Amino acid sequence: WSYAKLDENGFVSEVAEKIPISNHATVGIYYWKQGADYVKYAEQMIQKNIRVNNEFYVCPVYNEAIQDGKKIKISHVDFEKMWGLGTPEDLKYFIDNYK
């Protein structure tokens, strides 16, 4: 899981991969209004070699955007409507149970 901390206005002030910094966990669905922004900030993160468990993750790219003054929002997803697909077992469970 990744986690997002919100500021007093409800915007994301920080994200963290694998470290629960708030009760706002991400579900792995990310949106960028401009794809070029994602590329720009991902490249910055990679150049800084920001890794977790020696891997690059998508969510920490938002920290680069936040540091550049971008405003990031979150959307609520009901836990009952969220399907984890991070492992082959998760995918199999989804295929077997979601109809």
PDB file of N, CA and C in Angstrom:
ATOM      1  N   TRP A   1       0.820  -1.189   0.000  1.00  0.00           N
ATOM      2  CA  TRP A   1       0.000   0.000   0.000  1.00  0.00           C
ATOM      3  C   TRP A   1       0.864   1.252   0.000  1.00  0.00           C
ATOM      4  N   SER A   2       0.295   2.311  -0.532  1.00  0.00           N
ATOM      5  CA  SER A   2       0.862   3.650  -0.425  1.00  0.00           C
ATOM      6  C   SER A   2      -0.126   4.465   0.400  1.00  0.00           C
ATOM      7  N   TYR A   3       0.369   5.530   0.988  1.00  0.00           N
ATOM      8  CA  TYR A   3      -0.469   6.346   1.858  1.00  0.00           C
ATOM      9  C   TYR A   3      -0.324   7.813   1.499  1.00  0.00           C
ATOM     10  N   ALA A   4      -1.405   8.567   1.709  1.00  0.00           N
ATOM     11  CA  ALA A   4      -1.409   9.999   1.410  1.00  0.00           C
ATOM     12  C   ALA A   4      -1.800  10.780   2.656  1.00  0.00           C
ATOM     13  N   LYS A   5      -1.003  11.787   2.964  1.00  0.00           N
ATOM     14  CA  LYS A   5      -1.309  12.702   4.061  1.00  0.00           C
ATOM     15  C   LYS A   5      -1.925  13.952   3.440  1.00  0.00           C
ATOM     16  N   LEU A   6      -3.011  14.438   4.067  1.00  0.00           N
ATOM     17  CA  LEU A   6      -3.717  15.610   3.546  1.00  0.00           C
ATOM     18  C   LEU A   6      -3.401  16.855   4.365  1.00  0.00           C
ATOM     19  N   ASP A   7      -3.426  18.012   3.689  1.00  0.00           N
ATOM     20  CA  ASP A   7      -3.250  19.272   4.406  1.00  0.00           C
ATOM     21  C   ASP A   7      -4.611  19.776   4.882  1.00  0.00           C
ATOM     22  N   GLU A   8      -4.633  20.954   5.498  1.00  0.00           N
ATOM     23  CA  GLU A   8      -5.866  21.503   6.071  1.00  0.00           C
ATOM     24  C   GLU A   8      -6.915  21.833   5.011  1.00  0.00           C
ATOM     25  N   ASN A   9      -6.513  21.915   3.743  1.00  0.00           N
ATOM     26  CA  ASN A   9      -7.454  22.193   2.655  1.00  0.00           C
ATOM     27  C   ASN A   9      -7.899  20.934   1.917  1.00  0.00           C
ATOM     28  N   GLY A  10      -7.440  19.770   2.370  1.00  0.00           N
ATOM     29  CA  GLY A  10      -7.835  18.511   1.751  1.00  0.00           C
ATOM     30  C   GLY A  10      -6.993  18.086   0.570  1.00  0.00           C
ATOM     31  N   PHE A  11      -5.911  18.812   0.304  1.00  0.00           N
ATOM     32  CA  PHE A  11      -4.992  18.410  -0.758  1.00  0.00           C
ATOM     33  C   PHE A  11      -3.903  17.513  -0.180  1.00  0.00           C
ATOM     34  N   VAL A  12      -3.343  16.671  -1.016  1.00  0.00           N
ATOM     35  CA  VAL A  12      -2.268  15.782  -0.582  1.00  0.00           C
ATOM     36  C   VAL A  12      -1.021  16.619  -0.324  1.00  0.00           C
ATOM     37  N   SER A  13      -0.450  16.445   0.873  1.00  0.00           N
ATOM     38  CA  SER A  13       0.778  17.162   1.218  1.00  0.00           C
ATOM     39  C   SER A  13       2.000  16.257   1.132  1.00  0.00           C
ATOM     40  N   GLU A  14       1.769  14.943   1.176  1.00  0.00           N
ATOM     41  CA  GLU A  14       2.875  13.979   1.119  1.00  0.00           C
ATOM     42  C   GLU A  14       2.303  12.594   0.854  1.00  0.00           C
ATOM     43  N   VAL A  15       3.054  11.781   0.143  1.00  0.00           N
ATOM     44  CA  VAL A  15       2.717  10.366  -0.012  1.00  0.00           C
ATOM     45  C   VAL A  15       3.902   9.538   0.459  1.00  0.00           C
ATOM     46  N   ALA A  16       3.601   8.304   0.842  1.00  0.00           N
ATOM     47  CA  ALA A  16       4.660   7.396   1.278  1.00  0.00           C
ATOM     48  C   ALA A  16       4.319   5.989   0.811  1.00  0.00           C
ATOM     49  N   GLU A  17       5.293   5.297   0.320  1.00  0.00           N
ATOM     50  CA  GLU A  17       5.136   3.921  -0.148  1.00  0.00           C
ATOM     51  C   GLU A  17       5.498   2.975   0.988  1.00  0.00           C
ATOM     52  N   LYS A  18       4.545   2.105   1.346  1.00  0.00           N
ATOM     53  CA  LYS A  18       4.753   1.061   2.355  1.00  0.00           C
ATOM     54  C   LYS A  18       4.864   1.583   3.786  1.00  0.00           C
ATOM     55  N   ILE A  19       4.711   2.887   3.995  1.00  0.00           N
ATOM     56  CA  ILE A  19       4.790   3.465   5.340  1.00  0.00           C
ATOM     57  C   ILE A  19       3.464   4.168   5.625  1.00  0.00           C
ATOM     58  N   PRO A  20       2.685   3.685   6.607  1.00  0.00           N
ATOM     59  CA  PRO A  20       1.387   4.308   6.894  1.00  0.00           C
ATOM     60  C   PRO A  20       1.540   5.664   7.586  1.00  0.00           C
ATOM     61  N   ILE A  21       1.506   6.735   6.807  1.00  0.00           N
ATOM     62  CA  ILE A  21       1.627   8.090   7.345  1.00  0.00           C
ATOM     63  C   ILE A  21       0.260   8.714   7.621  1.00  0.00           C
ATOM     64  N   SER A  22      -0.812   8.005   7.254  1.00  0.00           N
ATOM     65  CA  SER A  22      -2.180   8.466   7.512  1.00  0.00           C
ATOM     66  C   SER A  22      -3.105   7.268   7.336  1.00  0.00           C
ATOM     67  N   ASN A  23      -4.405   7.514   7.471  1.00  0.00           N
ATOM     68  CA  ASN A  23      -5.368   6.433   7.224  1.00  0.00           C
ATOM     69  C   ASN A  23      -5.911   6.476   5.798  1.00  0.00           C
ATOM     70  N   HIS A  24      -5.273   7.252   4.930  1.00  0.00           N
ATOM     71  CA  HIS A  24      -5.660   7.336   3.519  1.00  0.00           C
ATOM     72  C   HIS A  24      -4.706   6.472   2.695  1.00  0.00           C
ATOM     73  N   ALA A  25      -5.132   5.246   2.418  1.00  0.00           N
ATOM     74  CA  ALA A  25      -4.310   4.336   1.616  1.00  0.00           C
ATOM     75  C   ALA A  25      -4.712   4.444   0.155  1.00  0.00           C
ATOM     76  N   THR A  26      -3.753   4.266  -0.726  1.00  0.00           N
ATOM     77  CA  THR A  26      -4.065   4.291  -2.154  1.00  0.00           C
ATOM     78  C   THR A  26      -4.386   2.880  -2.625  1.00  0.00           C
ATOM     79  N   VAL A  27      -5.114   2.797  -3.716  1.00  0.00           N
ATOM     80  CA  VAL A  27      -5.490   1.496  -4.264  1.00  0.00           C
ATOM     81  C   VAL A  27      -4.770   1.204  -5.572  1.00  0.00           C
ATOM     82  N   GLY A  28      -3.801   2.028  -5.901  1.00  0.00           N
ATOM     83  CA  GLY A  28      -2.998   1.770  -7.093  1.00  0.00           C
ATOM     84  C   GLY A  28      -3.582   2.303  -8.385  1.00  0.00           C
ATOM     85  N   ILE A  29      -4.603   3.134  -8.280  1.00  0.00           N
ATOM     86  CA  ILE A  29      -5.168   3.773  -9.465  1.00  0.00           C
ATOM     87  C   ILE A  29      -4.774   5.243  -9.401  1.00  0.00           C
ATOM     88  N   TYR A  30      -3.981   5.679 -10.357  1.00  0.00           N
ATOM     89  CA  TYR A  30      -3.443   7.037 -10.335  1.00  0.00           C
ATOM     90  C   TYR A  30      -3.854   7.769 -11.607  1.00  0.00           C
ATOM     91  N   TYR A  31      -4.060   9.068 -11.473  1.00  0.00           N
ATOM     92  CA  TYR A  31      -4.493   9.881 -12.606  1.00  0.00           C
ATOM     93  C   TYR A  31      -3.628  11.132 -12.686  1.00  0.00           C
ATOM     94  N   TRP A  32      -3.248  11.467 -13.892  1.00  0.00           N
ATOM     95  CA  TRP A  32      -2.519  12.709 -14.169  1.00  0.00           C
ATOM     96  C   TRP A  32      -3.266  13.431 -15.279  1.00  0.00           C
ATOM     97  N   LYS A  33      -3.612  14.692 -15.047  1.00  0.00           N
ATOM     98  CA  LYS A  33      -4.310  15.480 -16.064  1.00  0.00           C
ATOM     99  C   LYS A  33      -3.463  15.595 -17.322  1.00  0.00           C
ATOM    100  N   GLN A  34      -2.169  15.757 -17.147  1.00  0.00           N
ATOM    101  CA  GLN A  34      -1.225  15.841 -18.260  1.00  0.00           C
ATOM    102  C   GLN A  34      -0.211  14.706 -18.129  1.00  0.00           C
ATOM    103  N   GLY A  35      -0.202  13.813 -19.080  1.00  0.00           N
ATOM    104  CA  GLY A  35       0.757  12.712 -19.052  1.00  0.00           C
ATOM    105  C   GLY A  35       2.195  13.195 -19.010  1.00  0.00           C
ATOM    106  N   ALA A  36       2.445  14.347 -19.629  1.00  0.00           N
ATOM    107  CA  ALA A  36       3.804  14.906 -19.630  1.00  0.00           C
ATOM    108  C   ALA A  36       4.263  15.251 -18.217  1.00  0.00           C
ATOM    109  N   ASP A  37       3.321  15.638 -17.344  1.00  0.00           N
ATOM    110  CA  ASP A  37       3.689  15.909 -15.950  1.00  0.00           C
ATOM    111  C   ASP A  37       4.167  14.633 -15.269  1.00  0.00           C
ATOM    112  N   TYR A  38       3.446  13.539 -15.502  1.00  0.00           N
ATOM    113  CA  TYR A  38       3.881  12.270 -14.902  1.00  0.00           C
ATOM    114  C   TYR A  38       5.297  11.926 -15.360  1.00  0.00           C
ATOM    115  N   VAL A  39       5.546  12.031 -16.649  1.00  0.00           N
ATOM    116  CA  VAL A  39       6.875  11.702 -17.187  1.00  0.00           C
ATOM    117  C   VAL A  39       7.933  12.600 -16.553  1.00  0.00           C
ATOM    118  N   LYS A  40       7.665  13.891 -16.492  1.00  0.00           N
ATOM    119  CA  LYS A  40       8.616  14.852 -15.909  1.00  0.00           C
ATOM    120  C   LYS A  40       8.957  14.487 -14.468  1.00  0.00           C
ATOM    121  N   TYR A  41       7.939  14.260 -13.649  1.00  0.00           N
ATOM    122  CA  TYR A  41       8.177  14.004 -12.231  1.00  0.00           C
ATOM    123  C   TYR A  41       8.719  12.597 -11.991  1.00  0.00           C
ATOM    124  N   ALA A  42       8.317  11.639 -12.808  1.00  0.00           N
ATOM    125  CA  ALA A  42       8.888  10.292 -12.689  1.00  0.00           C
ATOM    126  C   ALA A  42      10.375  10.325 -13.013  1.00  0.00           C
ATOM    127  N   GLU A  43      10.740  11.061 -14.050  1.00  0.00           N
ATOM    128  CA  GLU A  43      12.159  11.172 -14.396  1.00  0.00           C
ATOM    129  C   GLU A  43      12.948  11.835 -13.269  1.00  0.00           C
ATOM    130  N   GLN A  44      12.354  12.846 -12.632  1.00  0.00           N
ATOM    131  CA  GLN A  44      13.021  13.483 -11.491  1.00  0.00           C
ATOM    132  C   GLN A  44      13.235  12.481 -10.364  1.00  0.00           C
ATOM    133  N   MET A  45      12.189  11.708 -10.050  1.00  0.00           N
ATOM    134  CA  MET A  45      12.285  10.723  -8.984  1.00  0.00           C
ATOM    135  C   MET A  45      13.365   9.693  -9.304  1.00  0.00           C
ATOM    136  N   ILE A  46      13.404   9.234 -10.545  1.00  0.00           N
ATOM    137  CA  ILE A  46      14.401   8.237 -10.953  1.00  0.00           C
ATOM    138  C   ILE A  46      15.801   8.827 -10.869  1.00  0.00           C
ATOM    139  N   GLN A  47      15.972  10.068 -11.310  1.00  0.00           N
ATOM    140  CA  GLN A  47      17.290  10.707 -11.224  1.00  0.00           C
ATOM    141  C   GLN A  47      17.751  10.836  -9.778  1.00  0.00           C
ATOM    142  N   LYS A  48      16.808  11.067  -8.864  1.00  0.00           N
ATOM    143  CA  LYS A  48      17.140  11.155  -7.440  1.00  0.00           C
ATOM    144  C   LYS A  48      17.304   9.766  -6.815  1.00  0.00           C
ATOM    145  N   ASN A  49      16.986   8.730  -7.608  1.00  0.00           N
ATOM    146  CA  ASN A  49      17.096   7.334  -7.170  1.00  0.00           C
ATOM    147  C   ASN A  49      16.234   7.058  -5.932  1.00  0.00           C
ATOM    148  N   ILE A  50      15.010   7.580  -5.949  1.00  0.00           N
ATOM    149  CA  ILE A  50      14.087   7.370  -4.835  1.00  0.00           C
ATOM    150  C   ILE A  50      13.404   6.022  -5.032  1.00  0.00           C
ATOM    151  N   ARG A  51      13.810   5.062  -4.219  1.00  0.00           N
ATOM    152  CA  ARG A  51      13.311   3.686  -4.320  1.00  0.00           C
ATOM    153  C   ARG A  51      12.771   3.219  -2.980  1.00  0.00           C
ATOM    154  N   VAL A  52      11.932   2.196  -3.045  1.00  0.00           N
ATOM    155  CA  VAL A  52      11.461   1.483  -1.864  1.00  0.00           C
ATOM    156  C   VAL A  52      11.726   0.015  -2.140  1.00  0.00           C
ATOM    157  N   ASN A  53      12.394  -0.645  -1.216  1.00  0.00           N
ATOM    158  CA  ASN A  53      12.777  -2.052  -1.418  1.00  0.00           C
ATOM    159  C   ASN A  53      13.505  -2.231  -2.748  1.00  0.00           C
ATOM    160  N   ASN A  54      14.342  -1.254  -3.072  1.00  0.00           N
ATOM    161  CA  ASN A  54      15.158  -1.256  -4.293  1.00  0.00           C
ATOM    162  C   ASN A  54      14.329  -1.232  -5.581  1.00  0.00           C
ATOM    163  N   GLU A  55      13.086  -0.756  -5.491  1.00  0.00           N
ATOM    164  CA  GLU A  55      12.222  -0.652  -6.669  1.00  0.00           C
ATOM    165  C   GLU A  55      11.650   0.760  -6.766  1.00  0.00           C
ATOM    166  N   PHE A  56      11.372   1.189  -7.981  1.00  0.00           N
ATOM    167  CA  PHE A  56      10.668   2.448  -8.195  1.00  0.00           C
ATOM    168  C   PHE A  56       9.167   2.173  -8.149  1.00  0.00           C
ATOM    169  N   TYR A  57       8.423   3.054  -7.506  1.00  0.00           N
ATOM    170  CA  TYR A  57       6.976   2.939  -7.427  1.00  0.00           C
ATOM    171  C   TYR A  57       6.334   4.185  -8.035  1.00  0.00           C
ATOM    172  N   VAL A  58       5.085   4.066  -8.439  1.00  0.00           N
ATOM    173  CA  VAL A  58       4.367   5.173  -9.066  1.00  0.00           C
ATOM    174  C   VAL A  58       3.978   6.244  -8.051  1.00  0.00           C
ATOM    175  N   CYS A  59       3.425   5.855  -6.928  1.00  0.00           N
ATOM    176  CA  CYS A  59       2.884   6.844  -5.995  1.00  0.00           C
ATOM    177  C   CYS A  59       3.893   7.907  -5.561  1.00  0.00           C
ATOM    178  N   PRO A  60       5.138   7.570  -5.241  1.00  0.00           N
ATOM    179  CA  PRO A  60       6.085   8.613  -4.813  1.00  0.00           C
ATOM    180  C   PRO A  60       6.361   9.689  -5.862  1.00  0.00           C
ATOM    181  N   VAL A  61       5.983   9.449  -7.093  1.00  0.00           N
ATOM    182  CA  VAL A  61       6.131  10.483  -8.120  1.00  0.00           C
ATOM    183  C   VAL A  61       5.334  11.729  -7.713  1.00  0.00           C
ATOM    184  N   TYR A  62       4.220  11.523  -7.015  1.00  0.00           N
ATOM    185  CA  TYR A  62       3.416  12.663  -6.575  1.00  0.00           C
ATOM    186  C   TYR A  62       4.193  13.598  -5.659  1.00  0.00           C
ATOM    187  N   ASN A  63       5.114  13.075  -4.859  1.00  0.00           N
ATOM    188  CA  ASN A  63       5.910  13.962  -4.001  1.00  0.00           C
ATOM    189  C   ASN A  63       6.700  14.971  -4.822  1.00  0.00           C
ATOM    190  N   GLU A  64       7.197  14.541  -5.965  1.00  0.00           N
ATOM    191  CA  GLU A  64       7.929  15.464  -6.843  1.00  0.00           C
ATOM    192  C   GLU A  64       7.005  16.578  -7.333  1.00  0.00           C
ATOM    193  N   ALA A  65       5.782  16.215  -7.690  1.00  0.00           N
ATOM    194  CA  ALA A  65       4.813  17.209  -8.165  1.00  0.00           C
ATOM    195  C   ALA A  65       4.415  18.162  -7.036  1.00  0.00           C
ATOM    196  N   ILE A  66       4.213  17.616  -5.843  1.00  0.00           N
ATOM    197  CA  ILE A  66       3.845  18.442  -4.687  1.00  0.00           C
ATOM    198  C   ILE A  66       4.952  19.452  -4.394  1.00  0.00           C
ATOM    199  N   GLN A  67       6.195  19.002  -4.446  1.00  0.00           N
ATOM    200  CA  GLN A  67       7.326  19.901  -4.193  1.00  0.00           C
ATOM    201  C   GLN A  67       7.414  21.002  -5.250  1.00  0.00           C
ATOM    202  N   ASP A  68       6.826  20.750  -6.414  1.00  0.00           N
ATOM    203  CA  ASP A  68       6.820  21.732  -7.499  1.00  0.00           C
ATOM    204  C   ASP A  68       5.568  22.618  -7.462  1.00  0.00           C
ATOM    205  N   GLY A  69       4.760  22.466  -6.407  1.00  0.00           N
ATOM    206  CA  GLY A  69       3.584  23.314  -6.240  1.00  0.00           C
ATOM    207  C   GLY A  69       2.300  22.787  -6.846  1.00  0.00           C
ATOM    208  N   LYS A  70       2.309  21.578  -7.382  1.00  0.00           N
ATOM    209  CA  LYS A  70       1.086  21.002  -7.951  1.00  0.00           C
ATOM    210  C   LYS A  70       0.119  20.640  -6.828  1.00  0.00           C
ATOM    211  N   LYS A  71      -1.175  20.774  -7.102  1.00  0.00           N
ATOM    212  CA  LYS A  71      -2.226  20.423  -6.149  1.00  0.00           C
ATOM    213  C   LYS A  71      -2.744  19.032  -6.495  1.00  0.00           C
ATOM    214  N   ILE A  72      -2.668  18.133  -5.533  1.00  0.00           N
ATOM    215  CA  ILE A  72      -3.063  16.740  -5.732  1.00  0.00           C
ATOM    216  C   ILE A  72      -4.256  16.444  -4.830  1.00  0.00           C
ATOM    217  N   LYS A  73      -5.279  15.787  -5.388  1.00  0.00           N
ATOM    218  CA  LYS A  73      -6.469  15.410  -4.630  1.00  0.00           C
ATOM    219  C   LYS A  73      -6.581  13.889  -4.578  1.00  0.00           C
ATOM    220  N   ILE A  74      -7.375  13.412  -3.625  1.00  0.00           N
ATOM    221  CA  ILE A  74      -7.677  11.989  -3.558  1.00  0.00           C
ATOM    222  C   ILE A  74      -9.182  11.802  -3.717  1.00  0.00           C
ATOM    223  N   SER A  75      -9.583  10.604  -4.089  1.00  0.00           N
ATOM    224  CA  SER A  75     -10.991  10.228  -4.175  1.00  0.00           C
ATOM    225  C   SER A  75     -11.200   9.001  -3.316  1.00  0.00           C
ATOM    226  N   HIS A  76     -12.338   8.946  -2.662  1.00  0.00           N
ATOM    227  CA  HIS A  76     -12.649   7.824  -1.777  1.00  0.00           C
ATOM    228  C   HIS A  76     -13.164   6.631  -2.587  1.00  0.00           C
ATOM    229  N   VAL A  77     -12.682   5.450  -2.240  1.00  0.00           N
ATOM    230  CA  VAL A  77     -13.164   4.194  -2.813  1.00  0.00           C
ATOM    231  C   VAL A  77     -13.596   3.318  -1.647  1.00  0.00           C
ATOM    232  N   ASP A  78     -14.849   2.859  -1.659  1.00  0.00           N
ATOM    233  CA  ASP A  78     -15.314   1.968  -0.599  1.00  0.00           C
ATOM    234  C   ASP A  78     -14.497   0.687  -0.596  1.00  0.00           C
ATOM    235  N   PHE A  79     -14.091   0.252   0.590  1.00  0.00           N
ATOM    236  CA  PHE A  79     -13.258  -0.943   0.716  1.00  0.00           C
ATOM    237  C   PHE A  79     -13.930  -2.155   0.065  1.00  0.00           C
ATOM    238  N   GLU A  80     -15.249  -2.237   0.205  1.00  0.00           N
ATOM    239  CA  GLU A  80     -15.979  -3.377  -0.353  1.00  0.00           C
ATOM    240  C   GLU A  80     -15.934  -3.404  -1.881  1.00  0.00           C
ATOM    241  N   LYS A  81     -15.613  -2.276  -2.490  1.00  0.00           N
ATOM    242  CA  LYS A  81     -15.578  -2.189  -3.950  1.00  0.00           C
ATOM    243  C   LYS A  81     -14.161  -2.213  -4.509  1.00  0.00           C
ATOM    244  N   MET A  82     -13.182  -2.446  -3.655  1.00  0.00           N
ATOM    245  CA  MET A  82     -11.781  -2.438  -4.068  1.00  0.00           C
ATOM    246  C   MET A  82     -11.261  -3.870  -4.159  1.00  0.00           C
ATOM    247  N   TRP A  83     -10.663  -4.183  -5.278  1.00  0.00           N
ATOM    248  CA  TRP A  83     -10.084  -5.503  -5.484  1.00  0.00           C
ATOM    249  C   TRP A  83      -8.576  -5.355  -5.632  1.00  0.00           C
ATOM    250  N   GLY A  84      -7.830  -5.960  -4.722  1.00  0.00           N
ATOM    251  CA  GLY A  84      -6.378  -5.966  -4.841  1.00  0.00           C
ATOM    252  C   GLY A  84      -5.960  -6.902  -5.968  1.00  0.00           C
ATOM    253  N   LEU A  85      -5.091  -6.450  -6.831  1.00  0.00           N
ATOM    254  CA  LEU A  85      -4.623  -7.265  -7.957  1.00  0.00           C
ATOM    255  C   LEU A  85      -3.101  -7.298  -8.004  1.00  0.00           C
ATOM    256  N   GLY A  86      -2.471  -7.201  -6.836  1.00  0.00           N
ATOM    257  CA  GLY A  86      -1.019  -7.092  -6.782  1.00  0.00           C
ATOM    258  C   GLY A  86      -0.252  -8.388  -6.901  1.00  0.00           C
ATOM    259  N   THR A  87      -0.933  -9.506  -6.772  1.00  0.00           N
ATOM    260  CA  THR A  87      -0.253 -10.801  -6.861  1.00  0.00           C
ATOM    261  C   THR A  87      -1.054 -11.723  -7.780  1.00  0.00           C
ATOM    262  N   PRO A  88      -0.438 -12.780  -8.272  1.00  0.00           N
ATOM    263  CA  PRO A  88      -1.201 -13.749  -9.074  1.00  0.00           C
ATOM    264  C   PRO A  88      -2.379 -14.340  -8.297  1.00  0.00           C
ATOM    265  N   GLU A  89      -2.211 -14.521  -6.991  1.00  0.00           N
ATOM    266  CA  GLU A  89      -3.301 -15.052  -6.169  1.00  0.00           C
ATOM    267  C   GLU A  89      -4.459 -14.060  -6.096  1.00  0.00           C
ATOM    268  N   ASP A  90      -4.127 -12.774  -5.962  1.00  0.00           N
ATOM    269  CA  ASP A  90      -5.169 -11.739  -5.955  1.00  0.00           C
ATOM    270  C   ASP A  90      -5.944 -11.747  -7.264  1.00  0.00           C
ATOM    271  N   LEU A  91      -5.242 -11.842  -8.368  1.00  0.00           N
ATOM    272  CA  LEU A  91      -5.885 -11.848  -9.678  1.00  0.00           C
ATOM    273  C   LEU A  91      -6.787 -13.061  -9.830  1.00  0.00           C
ATOM    274  N   LYS A  92      -6.304 -14.219  -9.410  1.00  0.00           N
ATOM    275  CA  LYS A  92      -7.113 -15.438  -9.492  1.00  0.00           C
ATOM    276  C   LYS A  92      -8.382 -15.289  -8.649  1.00  0.00           C
ATOM    277  N   TYR A  93      -8.241 -14.765  -7.440  1.00  0.00           N
ATOM    278  CA  TYR A  93      -9.400 -14.564  -6.572  1.00  0.00           C
ATOM    279  C   TYR A  93     -10.415 -13.639  -7.247  1.00  0.00           C
ATOM    280  N   PHE A  94      -9.936 -12.566  -7.849  1.00  0.00           N
ATOM    281  CA  PHE A  94     -10.814 -11.632  -8.545  1.00  0.00           C
ATOM    282  C   PHE A  94     -11.549 -12.327  -9.690  1.00  0.00           C
ATOM    283  N   ILE A  95     -10.815 -13.055 -10.512  1.00  0.00           N
ATOM    284  CA  ILE A  95     -11.416 -13.740 -11.662  1.00  0.00           C
ATOM    285  C   ILE A  95     -12.448 -14.760 -11.203  1.00  0.00           C
ATOM    286  N   ASP A  96     -12.133 -15.485 -10.130  1.00  0.00           N
ATOM    287  CA  ASP A  96     -13.032 -16.525  -9.631  1.00  0.00           C
ATOM    288  C   ASP A  96     -14.272 -15.967  -8.943  1.00  0.00           C
ATOM    289  N   ASN A  97     -14.188 -14.760  -8.385  1.00  0.00           N
ATOM    290  CA  ASN A  97     -15.268 -14.259  -7.537  1.00  0.00           C
ATOM    291  C   ASN A  97     -16.022 -13.055  -8.079  1.00  0.00           C
ATOM    292  N   TYR A  98     -15.477 -12.363  -9.060  1.00  0.00           N
ATOM    293  CA  TYR A  98     -16.152 -11.179  -9.581  1.00  0.00           C
ATOM    294  C   TYR A  98     -16.869 -11.538 -10.865  1.00  0.00           C
ATOM    295  N   LYS A  99     -18.160 -11.441 -10.840  1.00  0.00           N
ATOM    296  CA  LYS A  99     -18.956 -11.810 -12.010  1.00  0.00           C
ATOM    297  C   LYS A  99     -19.956 -10.725 -12.313  1.00  0.00           C
TER     298      LYS A  99
END
